[in-house]
Amino acid sequence: MSDNPPSAPILNNRYELLETIGSGGMAVVYRARDLMLARPVAIKLLRESYSRSDEFRERFRQEAQSAANLSHPNIVTVHDFGLDRNRLYLVLEYIPGTDLKAILKQRGRLEVKESIDLIIQACAGIGYAHRAGLVHCDVKPHNMLVTPDGRLKVTDFGIARALASIHQDEQHQVVWGSPLYFSPEQAAGQAPSPASDVYSLGVVLYEMLTGKLPFEASDAAELARLHREVAPAPPSQLNHMISPTLEQIILKVLSKEPSARYRNAEQLGRVLLKFAQKPDPLDAKIPPLSPMPTVTSQPPMATPVQQPEIDLNPEETPASTAAPMAEQIPLQVDWGNILLGLLTLLLVGGLIPFWLYIWFSLNTIR
């Protein structure tokens, strides 16, 4: 189907479609104008083949209502939804800029600081949805819009859940891009949870920092197997600027078991924010490709400065050191003090007979 606006470029006599700004297997996105409120908007117009099912229409309405209740600086606001000429549409906040996937295709990978800043914003928006009881289910860079001033906004909340109501044969073409970012439990066909969104955020962060996805395959089944069974390559092997602490965070997020990850996007965001504000001091000392340091009995010294040895058995020190210390000290005689002592003794001894003579003389007179 063509990406050009329909023959009648005004939806429901209110939204004027101006130009195509995006296209995918499920929908075409237009820059539009809300004629009633005189403001720019974005219209996500679903392809007609996905608007025929009554079950999908109802599920789409429910998900749109839930998404419309989310109000956060890092979430694209849903203004309205409807059906016109048998095509469902969403009316969204218009965000000048481009999606994160297009940025990655253009630049390959991003700097560590920029990547952390953007993923923290994504965690803030998705974490807010988690607190509201909503799981995104389809976190990927295609659904993250970045403005020229670096503001990131997450979009398409609930669309993946609505698509789950479509017959499997009709669904395949739509979700093909998503398995690249699916969590292991989603790949196994299990219900997603906030920890599933956390895993997908980890895949996005991995791609931002390395320019590559942790898993790639020629078909969805093999890709699902890799997510379920294979450990990702440490990202520092692809980007030497990734510190040991940051790598630990990424690998924790990409754990196979949901319980081994951070519970929700908000918790992951707090961890990354703390890392950004106060990186681990070891990160400045340990080369990214070096193995983690191990404790040895005699660690190498950074400088040749002599350090005092620490006695591990202090109770044995007197017996082992007293005798050698005594042998090393030479005997020194202080003759001056000895002569002074003898002189004092002679003086005192000479006064004793004198005092005895006085005492006897007094007693004899009486």
Protein backbone atom coordinates (compact mmCIF):
# COMPACT_ATOMS: atom_id res chain seq x y z
CA MET A 1 0.00 0.00 0.00
CA SER A 2 1.22 3.48 -0.80
CA ASP A 3 2.61 5.69 1.96
CA ASN A 4 0.87 8.73 0.48
CA PRO A 5 -2.13 10.19 2.35
CA PRO A 6 -5.55 8.74 1.44
CA SER A 7 -7.59 10.36 -1.26
CA ALA A 8 -9.41 12.33 1.43
CA PRO A 9 -6.44 13.86 3.35
CA ILE A 10 -8.60 14.81 6.35
CA LEU A 11 -9.48 12.13 8.90
CA ASN A 12 -12.90 12.42 10.53
CA ASN A 13 -13.15 16.02 9.31
CA ARG A 14 -10.57 17.06 11.89
CA TYR A 15 -7.01 15.86 11.17
CA GLU A 16 -5.33 17.10 8.02
CA LEU A 17 -2.55 14.80 6.81
CA LEU A 18 0.40 16.89 5.59
CA GLU A 19 3.33 14.55 4.86
CA THR A 20 4.66 11.06 5.52
CA ILE A 21 7.29 10.95 8.26
CA GLY A 22 7.55 7.21 8.84
CA SER A 23 6.42 3.85 7.53
CA GLY A 24 6.46 0.26 8.73
CA GLY A 25 4.80 -3.09 8.22
CA MET A 26 1.89 -2.14 10.46
CA ALA A 27 1.23 1.54 9.87
CA VAL A 28 2.18 4.78 8.18
CA VAL A 29 2.97 7.85 10.28
CA TYR A 30 2.06 11.34 9.06
CA ARG A 31 2.78 14.82 10.21
CA ALA A 32 -0.68 16.33 10.51
CA ARG A 33 -2.63 19.26 11.85
CA ASP A 34 -5.47 19.17 14.32
CA LEU A 35 -7.94 21.61 12.70
CA MET A 36 -10.09 21.89 15.81
CA LEU A 37 -7.27 22.81 18.22
CA ALA A 38 -4.93 24.31 15.59
CA ARG A 39 -1.88 22.33 16.69
CA PRO A 40 0.59 19.97 15.00
CA VAL A 41 0.09 16.27 15.67
CA ALA A 42 1.38 12.93 14.41
CA ILE A 43 -1.07 10.42 12.99
CA LYS A 44 -0.28 6.69 13.06
CA LEU A 45 -2.63 5.27 10.43
CA LEU A 46 -2.83 1.48 10.56
CA ARG A 47 -2.90 -0.40 7.28
CA GLU A 48 -6.33 -1.59 6.31
CA SER A 49 -5.44 -5.29 6.62
CA TYR A 50 -4.93 -4.79 10.37
CA SER A 51 -8.13 -2.82 10.87
CA ARG A 52 -10.63 -5.39 9.64
CA SER A 53 -10.76 -7.62 12.72
CA ASP A 54 -13.44 -6.63 15.21
CA GLU A 55 -11.43 -8.27 17.98
CA PHE A 56 -8.37 -6.25 17.06
CA ARG A 57 -10.38 -3.04 16.91
CA GLU A 58 -11.65 -3.58 20.43
CA ARG A 59 -8.23 -4.48 21.78
CA PHE A 60 -6.72 -1.49 19.99
CA ARG A 61 -9.31 0.79 21.63
CA GLN A 62 -8.50 -0.60 25.09
CA GLU A 63 -4.75 -0.21 24.64
CA ALA A 64 -5.18 3.31 23.25
CA GLN A 65 -7.22 4.30 26.29
CA SER A 66 -4.57 2.92 28.64
CA ALA A 67 -1.79 4.70 26.76
CA ALA A 68 -3.76 7.95 26.74
CA ASN A 69 -3.71 7.93 30.55
CA LEU A 70 0.11 8.06 30.60
CA SER A 71 1.44 11.58 31.08
CA HIS A 72 5.22 11.78 31.35
CA PRO A 73 7.97 13.90 29.75
CA ASN A 74 9.58 10.76 28.28
CA ILE A 75 6.40 9.27 26.81
CA VAL A 76 4.74 10.36 23.58
CA THR A 77 1.26 11.53 24.58
CA VAL A 78 -1.76 9.88 22.95
CA HIS A 79 -4.33 12.60 22.15
CA ASP A 80 -7.02 10.61 20.36
CA PHE A 81 -7.84 7.47 18.39
CA GLY A 82 -10.52 6.52 15.92
CA LEU A 83 -11.63 4.74 12.76
CA ASP A 84 -12.05 6.36 9.35
CA ARG A 85 -12.67 4.59 6.03
CA ASN A 86 -12.05 1.23 7.73
CA ARG A 87 -8.62 2.29 8.96
CA LEU A 88 -7.73 2.67 12.63
CA TYR A 89 -5.58 5.60 13.62
CA LEU A 90 -3.86 7.10 16.65
CA VAL A 91 -3.38 10.82 17.18
CA LEU A 92 -0.06 11.43 18.92
CA GLU A 93 1.98 14.30 20.23
CA TYR A 94 4.15 15.56 17.40
CA ILE A 95 7.85 15.17 18.21
CA PRO A 96 10.35 16.93 15.92
CA GLY A 97 13.34 14.68 15.45
CA THR A 98 13.93 11.07 14.46
CA ASP A 99 13.77 7.60 15.97
CA LEU A 100 16.77 6.09 17.72
CA LYS A 101 17.11 3.27 15.19
CA ALA A 102 17.67 5.78 12.37
CA ILE A 103 20.33 7.51 14.49
CA LEU A 104 22.12 4.20 15.08
CA LYS A 105 22.03 3.34 11.38
CA GLN A 106 23.61 6.70 10.62
CA ARG A 107 26.24 6.81 13.36
CA GLY A 108 26.95 3.15 14.05
CA ARG A 109 27.28 3.53 17.81
CA LEU A 110 27.03 6.33 20.35
CA GLU A 111 29.41 7.62 23.00
CA VAL A 112 29.05 6.06 26.46
CA LYS A 113 27.82 9.28 28.09
CA GLU A 114 25.22 9.94 25.39
CA SER A 115 24.03 6.33 25.47
CA ILE A 116 23.61 6.35 29.24
CA ASP A 117 21.75 9.67 29.15
CA LEU A 118 19.29 8.45 26.50
CA ILE A 119 18.63 5.07 28.13
CA ILE A 120 18.04 6.74 31.51
CA GLN A 121 15.32 8.82 29.85
CA ALA A 122 13.80 5.68 28.32
CA CYS A 123 13.87 4.02 31.75
CA ALA A 124 12.10 7.03 33.26
CA GLY A 125 9.22 6.83 30.78
CA ILE A 126 8.86 3.05 30.78
CA GLY A 127 9.33 2.94 34.56
CA TYR A 128 6.43 5.39 34.92
CA ALA A 129 4.28 3.03 32.84
CA HIS A 130 5.36 0.10 35.01
CA ARG A 131 4.17 1.97 38.10
CA ALA A 132 0.85 2.45 36.33
CA GLY A 133 0.62 -1.31 35.74
CA LEU A 134 1.45 -1.23 32.02
CA VAL A 135 4.11 -3.27 30.22
CA HIS A 136 5.31 -1.92 26.87
CA CYS A 137 6.00 -5.41 25.39
CA ASP A 138 7.82 -4.03 22.33
CA VAL A 139 10.76 -1.91 23.55
CA LYS A 140 13.11 -1.19 20.65
CA PRO A 141 14.94 1.85 19.24
CA HIS A 142 12.26 2.21 16.52
CA ASN A 143 9.85 3.20 19.31
CA MET A 144 12.15 5.83 20.84
CA LEU A 145 12.02 9.32 19.35
CA VAL A 146 14.93 11.68 19.95
CA THR A 147 14.55 15.44 19.57
CA PRO A 148 17.36 17.72 18.32
CA ASP A 149 18.06 18.83 21.90
CA GLY A 150 18.52 15.24 23.14
CA ARG A 151 15.10 14.56 24.69
CA LEU A 152 13.97 10.95 24.29
CA LYS A 153 10.31 9.91 24.22
CA VAL A 154 8.95 6.37 24.09
CA THR A 155 5.96 5.59 21.88
CA ASP A 156 3.69 2.69 20.83
CA PHE A 157 2.61 1.51 24.28
CA GLY A 158 0.23 -1.41 24.01
CA ILE A 159 0.42 -1.83 20.23
CA ALA A 160 2.17 -5.20 20.59
CA ARG A 161 -0.54 -6.47 22.93
CA ALA A 162 -3.23 -5.38 20.49
CA LEU A 163 -1.43 -7.17 17.67
CA ALA A 164 -1.48 -10.38 19.73
CA SER A 165 -5.21 -10.64 18.99
CA ILE A 166 -4.53 -10.97 15.24
CA HIS A 167 -4.38 -14.45 13.74
CA GLN A 168 -0.84 -15.80 13.75
CA ASP A 169 -0.62 -15.88 9.94
CA GLU A 170 -1.41 -12.18 9.78
CA GLN A 171 0.83 -11.30 12.69
CA HIS A 172 4.16 -12.63 11.38
CA GLN A 173 4.97 -9.74 9.07
CA VAL A 174 4.29 -7.18 11.80
CA VAL A 175 6.40 -8.57 14.62
CA TRP A 176 9.43 -9.69 12.60
CA GLY A 177 11.49 -6.69 13.72
CA SER A 178 10.70 -7.15 17.41
CA PRO A 179 12.34 -10.57 18.10
CA LEU A 180 15.69 -8.80 17.83
CA TYR A 181 14.80 -7.17 21.17
CA PHE A 182 12.49 -9.78 22.71
CA SER A 183 13.21 -11.16 26.18
CA PRO A 184 13.81 -14.92 26.58
CA GLU A 185 10.37 -15.38 28.14
CA GLN A 186 8.70 -13.55 25.24
CA ALA A 187 10.71 -15.68 22.83
CA ALA A 188 9.32 -18.74 24.64
CA GLY A 189 5.75 -17.47 24.20
CA GLN A 190 5.26 -16.51 27.84
CA ALA A 191 3.48 -13.39 29.07
CA PRO A 192 5.78 -10.35 29.35
CA SER A 193 6.43 -8.53 32.61
CA PRO A 194 8.26 -5.33 33.60
CA ALA A 195 11.45 -7.42 33.71
CA SER A 196 10.84 -8.26 30.04
CA ASP A 197 10.94 -4.55 29.18
CA VAL A 198 14.15 -4.29 31.23
CA TYR A 199 15.75 -7.01 29.09
CA SER A 200 14.74 -5.18 25.91
CA LEU A 201 16.21 -1.96 27.29
CA GLY A 202 19.43 -3.89 27.85
CA VAL A 203 19.46 -4.99 24.21
CA VAL A 204 18.95 -1.37 23.11
CA LEU A 205 21.77 -0.17 25.38
CA TYR A 206 24.06 -2.94 24.08
CA GLU A 207 23.34 -1.83 20.51
CA MET A 208 23.87 1.85 21.34
CA LEU A 209 27.29 1.19 22.89
CA THR A 210 28.61 -1.40 20.44
CA GLY A 211 26.78 -0.71 17.20
CA LYS A 212 25.73 -4.37 17.14
CA LEU A 213 22.90 -6.46 18.54
CA PRO A 214 23.77 -9.17 21.10
CA PHE A 215 22.00 -11.77 18.92
CA GLU A 216 21.39 -11.92 15.18
CA ALA A 217 20.01 -14.76 13.07
CA SER A 218 18.48 -15.40 9.67
CA ASP A 219 15.10 -16.47 11.03
CA ALA A 220 12.88 -15.76 14.03
CA ALA A 221 13.07 -19.31 15.44
CA GLU A 222 16.87 -19.27 15.64
CA LEU A 223 16.83 -15.78 17.06
CA ALA A 224 14.39 -16.88 19.76
CA ARG A 225 16.67 -19.81 20.62
CA LEU A 226 19.66 -17.51 20.99
CA HIS A 227 17.77 -15.24 23.38
CA ARG A 228 16.70 -18.24 25.46
CA GLU A 229 19.92 -20.26 25.56
CA VAL A 230 23.07 -18.35 24.53
CA ALA A 231 24.98 -15.83 26.64
CA PRO A 232 25.78 -12.56 24.85
CA ALA A 233 29.37 -11.61 24.11
CA PRO A 234 30.72 -9.14 26.70
CA PRO A 235 30.14 -5.69 25.19
CA SER A 236 33.64 -4.50 26.15
CA GLN A 237 35.00 -6.84 23.47
CA LEU A 238 33.30 -4.61 20.91
CA ASN A 239 33.88 -1.26 22.61
CA HIS A 240 36.93 -0.78 24.85
CA MET A 241 35.37 2.33 26.39
CA ILE A 242 32.82 0.22 28.27
CA SER A 243 34.00 -0.03 31.86
CA PRO A 244 33.83 -3.19 34.00
CA THR A 245 31.04 -1.73 36.14
CA LEU A 246 28.91 -0.75 33.16
CA GLU A 247 29.49 -4.15 31.59
CA GLN A 248 28.30 -5.81 34.79
CA ILE A 249 25.09 -3.77 34.65
CA ILE A 250 24.46 -4.68 31.00
CA LEU A 251 25.08 -8.40 31.51
CA LYS A 252 22.81 -8.43 34.57
CA VAL A 253 20.03 -6.83 32.53
CA LEU A 254 20.51 -9.48 29.81
CA SER A 255 20.14 -12.38 32.25
CA LYS A 256 17.99 -15.24 30.99
CA GLU A 257 15.93 -15.42 34.17
CA PRO A 258 13.67 -12.41 34.87
CA SER A 259 14.39 -12.67 38.60
CA ALA A 260 18.12 -12.12 37.93
CA ARG A 261 17.49 -8.73 36.27
CA TYR A 262 16.36 -5.45 37.75
CA ARG A 263 12.67 -5.69 38.64
CA ASN A 264 11.49 -2.80 36.50
CA ALA A 265 12.74 0.02 34.31
CA GLU A 266 12.70 2.52 37.17
CA GLN A 267 15.17 0.43 39.18
CA LEU A 268 17.46 0.08 36.16
CA GLY A 269 17.27 3.83 35.62
CA ARG A 270 18.33 4.54 39.21
CA VAL A 271 21.33 2.23 38.86
CA LEU A 272 22.43 3.90 35.62
CA LEU A 273 21.87 7.37 37.06
CA LYS A 274 24.06 6.54 40.05
CA PHE A 275 26.71 5.17 37.69
CA ALA A 276 26.58 8.34 35.56
CA GLN A 277 26.87 10.63 38.58
CA LYS A 278 29.56 8.69 40.41
CA PRO A 279 31.31 6.05 38.31
CA ASP A 280 33.11 3.25 40.10
CA PRO A 281 36.64 4.54 40.87
CA LEU A 282 38.01 1.19 39.70
CA ASP A 283 36.81 2.02 36.20
CA ALA A 284 39.60 4.59 35.85
CA LYS A 285 42.25 2.08 36.90
CA ILE A 286 41.29 -1.22 35.33
CA PRO A 287 41.74 -1.51 31.53
CA PRO A 288 38.40 -2.63 30.04
CA LEU A 289 39.86 -5.72 28.37
CA SER A 290 41.88 -6.88 31.39
CA PRO A 291 40.46 -9.67 33.55
CA MET A 292 39.08 -8.77 36.93
CA PRO A 293 41.89 -8.55 39.52
CA THR A 294 42.41 -11.58 41.75
CA VAL A 295 43.63 -11.54 45.32
CA THR A 296 47.16 -12.92 45.71
CA SER A 297 49.34 -13.46 48.76
CA GLN A 298 51.92 -10.96 47.55
CA PRO A 299 50.34 -8.33 45.25
CA PRO A 300 52.75 -6.39 43.03
CA MET A 301 53.60 -2.94 44.30
CA ALA A 302 52.95 0.09 42.15
CA THR A 303 56.19 1.81 43.29
CA PRO A 304 59.52 0.60 44.70
CA VAL A 305 58.92 2.37 48.00
CA GLN A 306 59.67 0.07 50.93
CA GLN A 307 56.58 -0.73 53.00
CA PRO A 308 56.62 -2.12 56.55
CA GLU A 309 55.74 -5.77 56.71
CA ILE A 310 52.61 -6.73 58.57
CA ASP A 311 53.11 -9.48 61.13
CA LEU A 312 50.34 -12.02 60.69
CA ASN A 313 51.15 -13.69 64.05
CA PRO A 314 51.79 -10.88 66.54
CA GLU A 315 51.70 -13.22 69.55
CA GLU A 316 55.06 -14.75 68.41
CA THR A 317 56.88 -11.43 68.13
CA PRO A 318 58.53 -11.20 71.67
CA ALA A 319 60.14 -14.66 71.51
CA SER A 320 61.50 -14.20 68.03
CA THR A 321 62.77 -10.64 68.35
CA ALA A 322 63.78 -10.00 72.00
CA ALA A 323 67.09 -11.93 71.99
CA PRO A 324 68.45 -10.50 68.72
CA MET A 325 67.60 -6.99 69.85
CA ALA A 326 69.53 -7.48 73.15
CA GLU A 327 72.58 -8.80 71.31
CA GLN A 328 72.72 -5.85 69.00
CA ILE A 329 72.77 -3.13 71.72
CA PRO A 330 76.42 -2.51 73.05
CA LEU A 331 77.06 -2.03 76.82
CA GLN A 332 77.76 1.65 77.61
CA VAL A 333 79.02 2.77 81.18
CA ASP A 334 78.26 6.30 82.43
CA TRP A 335 81.32 6.98 84.71
CA GLY A 336 80.20 10.46 85.63
CA ASN A 337 77.04 9.22 87.31
CA ILE A 338 78.97 6.49 89.11
CA LEU A 339 81.48 8.96 90.63
CA LEU A 340 78.71 11.30 91.69
CA GLY A 341 76.97 8.41 93.44
CA LEU A 342 80.13 7.44 95.33
CA LEU A 343 80.72 11.01 96.46
CA THR A 344 77.20 11.24 97.78
CA LEU A 345 77.66 7.98 99.66
CA LEU A 346 80.87 9.24 101.30
CA LEU A 347 79.28 12.49 102.39
CA VAL A 348 76.27 10.74 103.89
CA GLY A 349 78.50 8.15 105.55
CA GLY A 350 80.67 10.89 107.11
CA LEU A 351 77.67 12.63 108.67
CA ILE A 352 76.47 9.54 110.47
CA PRO A 353 79.29 9.54 113.17
CA PHE A 354 78.76 13.28 113.68
CA TRP A 355 75.07 12.87 114.43
CA LEU A 356 75.82 9.95 116.76
CA TYR A 357 78.32 12.10 118.73
CA ILE A 358 75.74 14.86 119.16
CA TRP A 359 73.08 12.39 120.32
CA PHE A 360 75.37 10.79 122.96
CA SER A 361 76.55 14.13 124.27
CA LEU A 362 73.01 15.33 124.90
CA ASN A 363 72.07 12.14 126.71
CA THR A 364 75.20 12.30 128.94
CA ILE A 365 74.43 15.89 130.07
CA ARG A 366 70.96 14.87 131.20
